[in-house]
Amino acid sequence: KVAAAGVGFADLGPAPAGFSLAERQAMLSGAGSPLTMRR
């Protein structure tokens, strides 16, 4: 995504366990419930 924008990228390694980009998007789409907000 960063490369497509023509911006320099510094790779900080993998996201914290359980919070990859795909996992974030799936989780945030369920925002509103107390359990999701805790996560």
Full PDB file with SEQRES, HELIX, SHEET, SSBOND, CRYST1, ORIGX, SCALE, CONECT and MASTER records, all heavy atoms in Angstrom:
SEQRES   1 A   39  LYS VAL ALA ALA ALA GLY VAL GLY PHE ALA ASP LEU GLY          
SEQRES   2 A   39  PRO ALA PRO ALA GLY PHE SER LEU ALA GLU ARG GLN ALA          
SEQRES   3 A   39  MET LEU SER GLY ALA GLY SER PRO LEU THR MET ARG ARG          
HELIX    1 AA1 ALA A    3  ALA A    5  5                                   3    
HELIX    2 AA2 LEU A   21  LEU A   28  1                                   8    
HELIX    3 AA3 PRO A   34  ARG A   38  1                                   5    
CRYST1    1.000    1.000    1.000  90.00  90.00  90.00 P 1           1          
ORIGX1      1.000000  0.000000  0.000000        0.00000                         
ORIGX2      0.000000  1.000000  0.000000        0.00000                         
ORIGX3      0.000000  0.000000  1.000000        0.00000                         
SCALE1      1.000000  0.000000  0.000000        0.00000                         
SCALE2      0.000000  1.000000  0.000000        0.00000                         
SCALE3      0.000000  0.000000  1.000000        0.00000                         
ATOM      1  N   LYS A   1       0.833  -1.204   0.000  1.00  0.00           N  
ATOM      2  CA  LYS A   1       0.000   0.000   0.000  1.00  0.00           C  
ATOM      3  C   LYS A   1       0.865   1.251   0.000  1.00  0.00           C  
ATOM      4  O   LYS A   1       0.597   2.216  -0.729  1.00  0.00           O  
ATOM      5  CB  LYS A   1      -0.906  -0.018   1.226  1.00  0.00           C  
ATOM      6  CG  LYS A   1      -1.767   1.216   1.410  1.00  0.00           C  
ATOM      7  CD  LYS A   1      -2.932   1.236   0.481  1.00  0.00           C  
ATOM      8  CE  LYS A   1      -3.891   2.363   0.806  1.00  0.00           C  
ATOM      9  NZ  LYS A   1      -5.039   2.434  -0.101  1.00  0.00           N  
ATOM     10  N   VAL A   2       1.913   1.249   0.790  1.00  0.00           N  
ATOM     11  CA  VAL A   2       2.800   2.406   0.872  1.00  0.00           C  
ATOM     12  C   VAL A   2       3.554   2.588  -0.444  1.00  0.00           C  
ATOM     13  O   VAL A   2       3.675   3.702  -0.960  1.00  0.00           O  
ATOM     14  CB  VAL A   2       3.769   2.249   2.059  1.00  0.00           C  
ATOM     15  CG1 VAL A   2       4.753   3.406   2.106  1.00  0.00           C  
ATOM     16  CG2 VAL A   2       2.993   2.152   3.374  1.00  0.00           C  
ATOM     17  N   ALA A   3       4.027   1.496  -1.005  1.00  0.00           N  
ATOM     18  CA  ALA A   3       4.758   1.573  -2.271  1.00  0.00           C  
ATOM     19  C   ALA A   3       3.881   2.133  -3.377  1.00  0.00           C  
ATOM     20  O   ALA A   3       4.342   2.930  -4.211  1.00  0.00           O  
ATOM     21  CB  ALA A   3       5.279   0.190  -2.655  1.00  0.00           C  
ATOM     22  N   ALA A   4       2.606   1.745  -3.395  1.00  0.00           N  
ATOM     23  CA  ALA A   4       1.687   2.228  -4.432  1.00  0.00           C  
ATOM     24  C   ALA A   4       1.492   3.736  -4.351  1.00  0.00           C  
ATOM     25  O   ALA A   4       1.189   4.382  -5.360  1.00  0.00           O  
ATOM     26  CB  ALA A   4       0.346   1.518  -4.310  1.00  0.00           C  
ATOM     27  N   ALA A   5       1.671   4.298  -3.177  1.00  0.00           N  
ATOM     28  CA  ALA A   5       1.525   5.744  -2.999  1.00  0.00           C  
ATOM     29  C   ALA A   5       2.805   6.500  -3.312  1.00  0.00           C  
ATOM     30  O   ALA A   5       2.820   7.732  -3.267  1.00  0.00           O  
ATOM     31  CB  ALA A   5       1.080   6.043  -1.569  1.00  0.00           C  
ATOM     32  N   GLY A   6       3.886   5.769  -3.616  1.00  0.00           N  
ATOM     33  CA  GLY A   6       5.149   6.418  -3.932  1.00  0.00           C  
ATOM     34  C   GLY A   6       5.861   6.991  -2.735  1.00  0.00           C  
ATOM     35  O   GLY A   6       6.639   7.953  -2.858  1.00  0.00           O  
ATOM     36  N   VAL A   7       5.622   6.401  -1.571  1.00  0.00           N  
ATOM     37  CA  VAL A   7       6.210   6.892  -0.324  1.00  0.00           C  
ATOM     38  C   VAL A   7       7.215   5.873   0.186  1.00  0.00           C  
ATOM     39  O   VAL A   7       7.028   4.659   0.040  1.00  0.00           O  
ATOM     40  CB  VAL A   7       5.104   7.131   0.730  1.00  0.00           C  
ATOM     41  CG1 VAL A   7       5.691   7.494   2.089  1.00  0.00           C  
ATOM     42  CG2 VAL A   7       4.149   8.227   0.245  1.00  0.00           C  
ATOM     43  N   GLY A   8       8.290   6.355   0.807  1.00  0.00           N  
ATOM     44  CA  GLY A   8       9.282   5.463   1.387  1.00  0.00           C  
ATOM     45  C   GLY A   8       8.693   4.624   2.505  1.00  0.00           C  
ATOM     46  O   GLY A   8       7.778   5.054   3.210  1.00  0.00           O  
ATOM     47  N   PHE A   9       9.228   3.403   2.673  1.00  0.00           N  
ATOM     48  CA  PHE A   9       8.689   2.492   3.675  1.00  0.00           C  
ATOM     49  C   PHE A   9       9.802   1.939   4.540  1.00  0.00           C  
ATOM     50  O   PHE A   9      10.825   1.464   4.032  1.00  0.00           O  
ATOM     51  CB  PHE A   9       7.942   1.335   3.005  1.00  0.00           C  
ATOM     52  CG  PHE A   9       7.376   0.328   3.968  1.00  0.00           C  
ATOM     53  CD1 PHE A   9       6.345   0.681   4.822  1.00  0.00           C  
ATOM     54  CD2 PHE A   9       7.873  -0.975   4.023  1.00  0.00           C  
ATOM     55  CE1 PHE A   9       5.809  -0.242   5.719  1.00  0.00           C  
ATOM     56  CE2 PHE A   9       7.347  -1.909   4.905  1.00  0.00           C  
ATOM     57  CZ  PHE A   9       6.310  -1.536   5.757  1.00  0.00           C  
ATOM     58  N   ALA A  10       9.626   2.020   5.849  1.00  0.00           N  
ATOM     59  CA  ALA A  10      10.546   1.403   6.798  1.00  0.00           C  
ATOM     60  C   ALA A  10       9.819   0.238   7.454  1.00  0.00           C  
ATOM     61  O   ALA A  10       8.831   0.433   8.165  1.00  0.00           O  
ATOM     62  CB  ALA A  10      10.987   2.414   7.852  1.00  0.00           C  
ATOM     63  N   ASP A  11      10.295  -0.964   7.194  1.00  0.00           N  
ATOM     64  CA  ASP A  11       9.625  -2.180   7.665  1.00  0.00           C  
ATOM     65  C   ASP A  11       9.980  -2.437   9.127  1.00  0.00           C  
ATOM     66  O   ASP A  11      11.142  -2.693   9.467  1.00  0.00           O  
ATOM     67  CB  ASP A  11      10.064  -3.367   6.796  1.00  0.00           C  
ATOM     68  CG  ASP A  11       9.206  -4.599   7.003  1.00  0.00           C  
ATOM     69  OD1 ASP A  11       8.593  -4.719   8.088  1.00  0.00           O  
ATOM     70  OD2 ASP A  11       9.149  -5.439   6.081  1.00  0.00           O  
ATOM     71  N   LEU A  12       8.960  -2.369   9.982  1.00  0.00           N  
ATOM     72  CA  LEU A  12       9.154  -2.602  11.414  1.00  0.00           C  
ATOM     73  C   LEU A  12       8.883  -4.040  11.817  1.00  0.00           C  
ATOM     74  O   LEU A  12       8.830  -4.350  13.002  1.00  0.00           O  
ATOM     75  CB  LEU A  12       8.241  -1.666  12.215  1.00  0.00           C  
ATOM     76  CG  LEU A  12       8.484  -0.164  12.038  1.00  0.00           C  
ATOM     77  CD1 LEU A  12       7.458   0.632  12.854  1.00  0.00           C  
ATOM     78  CD2 LEU A  12       9.900   0.222  12.418  1.00  0.00           C  
ATOM     79  N   GLY A  13       8.714  -4.911  10.825  1.00  0.00           N  
ATOM     80  CA  GLY A  13       8.455  -6.306  11.125  1.00  0.00           C  
ATOM     81  C   GLY A  13       6.967  -6.599  11.207  1.00  0.00           C  
ATOM     82  O   GLY A  13       6.127  -5.760  10.867  1.00  0.00           O  
ATOM     83  N   PRO A  14       6.612  -7.779  11.662  1.00  0.00           N  
ATOM     84  CA  PRO A  14       5.198  -8.172  11.691  1.00  0.00           C  
ATOM     85  C   PRO A  14       4.405  -7.404  12.738  1.00  0.00           C  
ATOM     86  O   PRO A  14       4.952  -6.927  13.730  1.00  0.00           O  
ATOM     87  CB  PRO A  14       5.258  -9.666  12.026  1.00  0.00           C  
ATOM     88  CG  PRO A  14       6.545  -9.825  12.774  1.00  0.00           C  
ATOM     89  CD  PRO A  14       7.512  -8.845  12.149  1.00  0.00           C  
ATOM     90  N   ALA A  15       3.109  -7.313  12.491  1.00  0.00           N  
ATOM     91  CA  ALA A  15       2.214  -6.714  13.482  1.00  0.00           C  
ATOM     92  C   ALA A  15       2.157  -7.597  14.723  1.00  0.00           C  
ATOM     93  O   ALA A  15       2.485  -8.787  14.671  1.00  0.00           O  
ATOM     94  CB  ALA A  15       0.816  -6.559  12.881  1.00  0.00           C  
ATOM     95  N   PRO A  16       1.748  -7.047  15.857  1.00  0.00           N  
ATOM     96  CA  PRO A  16       1.589  -7.879  17.054  1.00  0.00           C  
ATOM     97  C   PRO A  16       0.669  -9.065  16.765  1.00  0.00           C  
ATOM     98  O   PRO A  16      -0.258  -8.971  15.960  1.00  0.00           O  
ATOM     99  CB  PRO A  16       0.954  -6.915  18.064  1.00  0.00           C  
ATOM    100  CG  PRO A  16       1.397  -5.565  17.629  1.00  0.00           C  
ATOM    101  CD  PRO A  16       1.449  -5.632  16.133  1.00  0.00           C  
ATOM    102  N   ALA A  17       0.934 -10.173  17.415  1.00  0.00           N  
ATOM    103  CA  ALA A  17       0.183 -11.409  17.181  1.00  0.00           C  
ATOM    104  C   ALA A  17      -1.315 -11.170  17.322  1.00  0.00           C  
ATOM    105  O   ALA A  17      -1.778 -10.578  18.303  1.00  0.00           O  
ATOM    106  CB  ALA A  17       0.636 -12.486  18.157  1.00  0.00           C  
ATOM    107  N   GLY A  18      -2.057 -11.633  16.319  1.00  0.00           N  
ATOM    108  CA  GLY A  18      -3.509 -11.500  16.328  1.00  0.00           C  
ATOM    109  C   GLY A  18      -4.027 -10.232  15.708  1.00  0.00           C  
ATOM    110  O   GLY A  18      -5.246 -10.030  15.626  1.00  0.00           O  
ATOM    111  N   PHE A  19      -3.108  -9.356  15.250  1.00  0.00           N  
ATOM    112  CA  PHE A  19      -3.541  -8.068  14.729  1.00  0.00           C  
ATOM    113  C   PHE A  19      -2.930  -7.769  13.357  1.00  0.00           C  
ATOM    114  O   PHE A  19      -2.470  -6.660  13.083  1.00  0.00           O  
ATOM    115  CB  PHE A  19      -3.190  -6.945  15.716  1.00  0.00           C  
ATOM    116  CG  PHE A  19      -3.868  -7.084  17.048  1.00  0.00           C  
ATOM    117  CD1 PHE A  19      -3.126  -7.262  18.199  1.00  0.00           C  
ATOM    118  CD2 PHE A  19      -5.255  -7.065  17.140  1.00  0.00           C  
ATOM    119  CE1 PHE A  19      -3.740  -7.404  19.433  1.00  0.00           C  
ATOM    120  CE2 PHE A  19      -5.874  -7.218  18.366  1.00  0.00           C  
ATOM    121  CZ  PHE A  19      -5.126  -7.376  19.519  1.00  0.00           C  
ATOM    122  N   SER A  20      -2.943  -8.766  12.498  1.00  0.00           N  
ATOM    123  CA  SER A  20      -2.548  -8.516  11.119  1.00  0.00           C  
ATOM    124  C   SER A  20      -3.565  -7.588  10.474  1.00  0.00           C  
ATOM    125  O   SER A  20      -4.652  -7.346  11.019  1.00  0.00           O  
ATOM    126  CB  SER A  20      -2.489  -9.826  10.331  1.00  0.00           C  
ATOM    127  OG  SER A  20      -3.797 -10.348  10.165  1.00  0.00           O  
ATOM    128  N   LEU A  21      -3.254  -7.076   9.289  1.00  0.00           N  
ATOM    129  CA  LEU A  21      -4.162  -6.154   8.617  1.00  0.00           C  
ATOM    130  C   LEU A  21      -5.526  -6.802   8.381  1.00  0.00           C  
ATOM    131  O   LEU A  21      -6.571  -6.193   8.637  1.00  0.00           O  
ATOM    132  CB  LEU A  21      -3.542  -5.701   7.288  1.00  0.00           C  
ATOM    133  CG  LEU A  21      -4.289  -4.606   6.530  1.00  0.00           C  
ATOM    134  CD1 LEU A  21      -4.503  -3.384   7.404  1.00  0.00           C  
ATOM    135  CD2 LEU A  21      -3.532  -4.237   5.260  1.00  0.00           C  
ATOM    136  N   ALA A  22      -5.530  -8.041   7.926  1.00  0.00           N  
ATOM    137  CA  ALA A  22      -6.796  -8.734   7.673  1.00  0.00           C  
ATOM    138  C   ALA A  22      -7.569  -8.944   8.974  1.00  0.00           C  
ATOM    139  O   ALA A  22      -8.800  -8.789   9.016  1.00  0.00           O  
ATOM    140  CB  ALA A  22      -6.532 -10.067   6.988  1.00  0.00           C  
ATOM    141  N   GLU A  23      -6.864  -9.298  10.045  1.00  0.00           N  
ATOM    142  CA  GLU A  23      -7.532  -9.520  11.331  1.00  0.00           C  
ATOM    143  C   GLU A  23      -8.106  -8.222  11.889  1.00  0.00           C  
ATOM    144  O   GLU A  23      -9.192  -8.217  12.491  1.00  0.00           O  
ATOM    145  CB  GLU A  23      -6.547 -10.142  12.319  1.00  0.00           C  
ATOM    146  CG  GLU A  23      -6.207 -11.599  11.991  1.00  0.00           C  
ATOM    147  CD  GLU A  23      -5.039 -12.132  12.795  1.00  0.00           C  
ATOM    148  OE1 GLU A  23      -4.060 -11.367  13.027  1.00  0.00           O  
ATOM    149  OE2 GLU A  23      -5.089 -13.308  13.194  1.00  0.00           O  
ATOM    150  N   ARG A  24      -7.400  -7.116  11.682  1.00  0.00           N  
ATOM    151  CA  ARG A  24      -7.899  -5.814  12.139  1.00  0.00           C  
ATOM    152  C   ARG A  24      -9.214  -5.471  11.449  1.00  0.00           C  
ATOM    153  O   ARG A  24     -10.178  -5.050  12.073  1.00  0.00           O  
ATOM    154  CB  ARG A  24      -6.884  -4.710  11.836  1.00  0.00           C  
ATOM    155  CG  ARG A  24      -5.636  -4.728  12.670  1.00  0.00           C  
ATOM    156  CD  ARG A  24      -4.592  -3.780  12.075  1.00  0.00           C  
ATOM    157  NE  ARG A  24      -3.303  -4.014  12.694  1.00  0.00           N  
ATOM    158  CZ  ARG A  24      -2.845  -3.359  13.756  1.00  0.00           C  
ATOM    159  NH1 ARG A  24      -3.569  -2.402  14.284  1.00  0.00           N  
ATOM    160  NH2 ARG A  24      -1.678  -3.648  14.272  1.00  0.00           N  
ATOM    161  N   GLN A  25      -9.209  -5.615  10.134  1.00  0.00           N  
ATOM    162  CA  GLN A  25     -10.392  -5.239   9.370  1.00  0.00           C  
ATOM    163  C   GLN A  25     -11.593  -6.085   9.765  1.00  0.00           C  
ATOM    164  O   GLN A  25     -12.716  -5.565   9.904  1.00  0.00           O  
ATOM    165  CB  GLN A  25     -10.090  -5.367   7.874  1.00  0.00           C  
ATOM    166  CG  GLN A  25      -9.090  -4.328   7.381  1.00  0.00           C  
ATOM    167  CD  GLN A  25      -8.642  -4.566   5.956  1.00  0.00           C  
ATOM    168  OE1 GLN A  25      -8.603  -5.692   5.475  1.00  0.00           O  
ATOM    169  NE2 GLN A  25      -8.288  -3.494   5.273  1.00  0.00           N  
ATOM    170  N   ALA A  26     -11.380  -7.374   9.962  1.00  0.00           N  
ATOM    171  CA  ALA A  26     -12.483  -8.248  10.372  1.00  0.00           C  
ATOM    172  C   ALA A  26     -13.001  -7.851  11.748  1.00  0.00           C  
ATOM    173  O   ALA A  26     -14.215  -7.835  11.993  1.00  0.00           O  
ATOM    174  CB  ALA A  26     -12.016  -9.698  10.374  1.00  0.00           C  
ATOM    175  N   MET A  27     -12.096  -7.524  12.652  1.00  0.00           N  
ATOM    176  CA  MET A  27     -12.494  -7.159  14.005  1.00  0.00           C  
ATOM    177  C   MET A  27     -13.230  -5.824  14.031  1.00  0.00           C  
ATOM    178  O   MET A  27     -14.304  -5.689  14.630  1.00  0.00           O  
ATOM    179  CB  MET A  27     -11.261  -7.071  14.900  1.00  0.00           C  
ATOM    180  CG  MET A  27     -11.533  -6.540  16.304  1.00  0.00           C  
ATOM    181  SD  MET A  27     -10.026  -6.372  17.261  1.00  0.00           S  
ATOM    182  CE  MET A  27      -9.122  -5.153  16.299  1.00  0.00           C  
ATOM    183  N   LEU A  28     -12.690  -4.818  13.349  1.00  0.00           N  
ATOM    184  CA  LEU A  28     -13.256  -3.482  13.408  1.00  0.00           C  
ATOM    185  C   LEU A  28     -14.627  -3.401  12.758  1.00  0.00           C  
ATOM    186  O   LEU A  28     -15.448  -2.543  13.116  1.00  0.00           O  
ATOM    187  CB  LEU A  28     -12.297  -2.483  12.756  1.00  0.00           C  
ATOM    188  CG  LEU A  28     -10.989  -2.250  13.527  1.00  0.00           C  
ATOM    189  CD1 LEU A  28     -10.007  -1.444  12.694  1.00  0.00           C  
ATOM    190  CD2 LEU A  28     -11.266  -1.542  14.846  1.00  0.00           C  
ATOM    191  N   SER A  29     -14.906  -4.286  11.809  1.00  0.00           N  
ATOM    192  CA  SER A  29     -16.224  -4.268  11.175  1.00  0.00           C  
ATOM    193  C   SER A  29     -17.317  -4.653  12.154  1.00  0.00           C  
ATOM    194  O   SER A  29     -18.493  -4.365  11.933  1.00  0.00           O  
ATOM    195  CB  SER A  29     -16.248  -5.208   9.965  1.00  0.00           C  
ATOM    196  OG  SER A  29     -16.122  -6.560  10.383  1.00  0.00           O  
ATOM    197  N   GLY A  30     -16.933  -5.278  13.254  1.00  0.00           N  
ATOM    198  CA  GLY A  30     -17.905  -5.642  14.283  1.00  0.00           C  
ATOM    199  C   GLY A  30     -17.919  -4.681  15.449  1.00  0.00           C  
ATOM    200  O   GLY A  30     -18.457  -4.993  16.514  1.00  0.00           O  
ATOM    201  N   ALA A  31     -17.351  -3.504  15.266  1.00  0.00           N  
ATOM    202  CA  ALA A  31     -17.298  -2.520  16.353  1.00  0.00           C  
ATOM    203  C   ALA A  31     -18.699  -2.165  16.811  1.00  0.00           C  
ATOM    204  O   ALA A  31     -19.632  -2.072  16.025  1.00  0.00           O  
ATOM    205  CB  ALA A  31     -16.566  -1.272  15.882  1.00  0.00           C  
ATOM    206  N   GLY A  32     -18.832  -1.938  18.099  1.00  0.00           N  
ATOM    207  CA  GLY A  32     -20.127  -1.606  18.676  1.00  0.00           C  
ATOM    208  C   GLY A  32     -20.477  -2.531  19.824  1.00  0.00           C  
ATOM    209  O   GLY A  32     -21.150  -2.131  20.773  1.00  0.00           O  
ATOM    210  N   SER A  33     -20.011  -3.783  19.768  1.00  0.00           N  
ATOM    211  CA  SER A  33     -20.264  -4.714  20.866  1.00  0.00           C  
ATOM    212  C   SER A  33     -19.182  -4.556  21.928  1.00  0.00           C  
ATOM    213  O   SER A  33     -18.030  -4.252  21.605  1.00  0.00           O  
ATOM    214  CB  SER A  33     -20.272  -6.150  20.349  1.00  0.00           C  
ATOM    215  OG  SER A  33     -18.957  -6.586  20.054  1.00  0.00           O  
ATOM    216  N   PRO A  34     -19.513  -4.771  23.210  1.00  0.00           N  
ATOM    217  CA  PRO A  34     -18.516  -4.638  24.286  1.00  0.00           C  
ATOM    218  C   PRO A  34     -17.317  -5.562  24.092  1.00  0.00           C  
ATOM    219  O   PRO A  34     -16.177  -5.166  24.355  1.00  0.00           O  
ATOM    220  CB  PRO A  34     -19.308  -5.000  25.543  1.00  0.00           C  
ATOM    221  CG  PRO A  34     -20.727  -4.678  25.195  1.00  0.00           C  
ATOM    222  CD  PRO A  34     -20.869  -4.996  23.741  1.00  0.00           C  
ATOM    223  N   LEU A  35     -17.555  -6.780  23.627  1.00  0.00           N  
ATOM    224  CA  LEU A  35     -16.458  -7.722  23.437  1.00  0.00           C  
ATOM    225  C   LEU A  35     -15.483  -7.223  22.369  1.00  0.00           C  
ATOM    226  O   LEU A  35     -14.262  -7.285  22.548  1.00  0.00           O  
ATOM    227  CB  LEU A  35     -17.014  -9.094  23.039  1.00  0.00           C  
ATOM    228  CG  LEU A  35     -15.973 -10.222  22.912  1.00  0.00           C  
ATOM    229  CD1 LEU A  35     -15.276 -10.453  24.246  1.00  0.00           C  
ATOM    230  CD2 LEU A  35     -16.651 -11.509  22.430  1.00  0.00           C  
ATOM    231  N   THR A  36     -16.032  -6.702  21.276  1.00  0.00           N  
ATOM    232  CA  THR A  36     -15.168  -6.174  20.216  1.00  0.00           C  
ATOM    233  C   THR A  36     -14.405  -4.957  20.703  1.00  0.00           C  
ATOM    234  O   THR A  36     -13.227  -4.790  20.385  1.00  0.00           O  
ATOM    235  CB  THR A  36     -16.007  -5.821  18.973  1.00  0.00           C  
ATOM    236  OG1 THR A  36     -16.681  -6.990  18.510  1.00  0.00           O  
ATOM    237  CG2 THR A  36     -15.121  -5.292  17.857  1.00  0.00           C  
ATOM    238  N   MET A  37     -15.059  -4.091  21.464  1.00  0.00           N  
ATOM    239  CA  MET A  37     -14.375  -2.901  21.959  1.00  0.00           C  
ATOM    240  C   MET A  37     -13.212  -3.276  22.869  1.00  0.00           C  
ATOM    241  O   MET A  37     -12.158  -2.635  22.834  1.00  0.00           O  
ATOM    242  CB  MET A  37     -15.363  -1.994  22.701  1.00  0.00           C  
ATOM    243  CG  MET A  37     -16.368  -1.305  21.790  1.00  0.00           C  
ATOM    244  SD  MET A  37     -15.614  -0.425  20.382  1.00  0.00           S  
ATOM    245  CE  MET A  37     -14.562   0.765  21.240  1.00  0.00           C  
ATOM    246  N   ARG A  38     -13.367  -4.316  23.677  1.00  0.00           N  
ATOM    247  CA  ARG A  38     -12.254  -4.771  24.522  1.00  0.00           C  
ATOM    248  C   ARG A  38     -11.072  -5.205  23.659  1.00  0.00           C  
ATOM    249  O   ARG A  38      -9.923  -4.906  23.973  1.00  0.00           O  
ATOM    250  CB  ARG A  38     -12.714  -5.931  25.407  1.00  0.00           C  
ATOM    251  CG  ARG A  38     -13.581  -5.523  26.575  1.00  0.00           C  
ATOM    252  CD  ARG A  38     -13.912  -6.721  27.460  1.00  0.00           C  
ATOM    253  NE  ARG A  38     -12.706  -7.303  28.042  1.00  0.00           N  
ATOM    254  CZ  ARG A  38     -12.691  -8.409  28.772  1.00  0.00           C  
ATOM    255  NH1 ARG A  38     -13.825  -9.058  29.001  1.00  0.00           N  
ATOM    256  NH2 ARG A  38     -11.564  -8.876  29.267  1.00  0.00           N  
ATOM    257  N   ARG A  39     -11.385  -5.878  22.564  1.00  0.00           N  
ATOM    258  CA  ARG A  39     -10.307  -6.329  21.684  1.00  0.00           C  
ATOM    259  C   ARG A  39      -9.659  -5.156  20.951  1.00  0.00           C  
ATOM    260  O   ARG A  39      -8.453  -5.147  20.729  1.00  0.00           O  
ATOM    261  CB  ARG A  39     -10.861  -7.359  20.689  1.00  0.00           C  
ATOM    262  CG  ARG A  39      -9.804  -7.962  19.794  1.00  0.00           C  
ATOM    263  CD  ARG A  39     -10.089  -9.416  19.487  1.00  0.00           C  
ATOM    264  NE  ARG A  39      -9.164  -9.957  18.498  1.00  0.00           N  
ATOM    265  CZ  ARG A  39      -7.915 -10.313  18.749  1.00  0.00           C  
ATOM    266  NH1 ARG A  39      -7.425 -10.165  19.971  1.00  0.00           N  
ATOM    267  NH2 ARG A  39      -7.155 -10.819  17.799  1.00  0.00           N  
TER     268      ARG A  39                                                      
MASTER        0    0    0    3    0    0    0    6  267    1    0    3          
END                                                                             
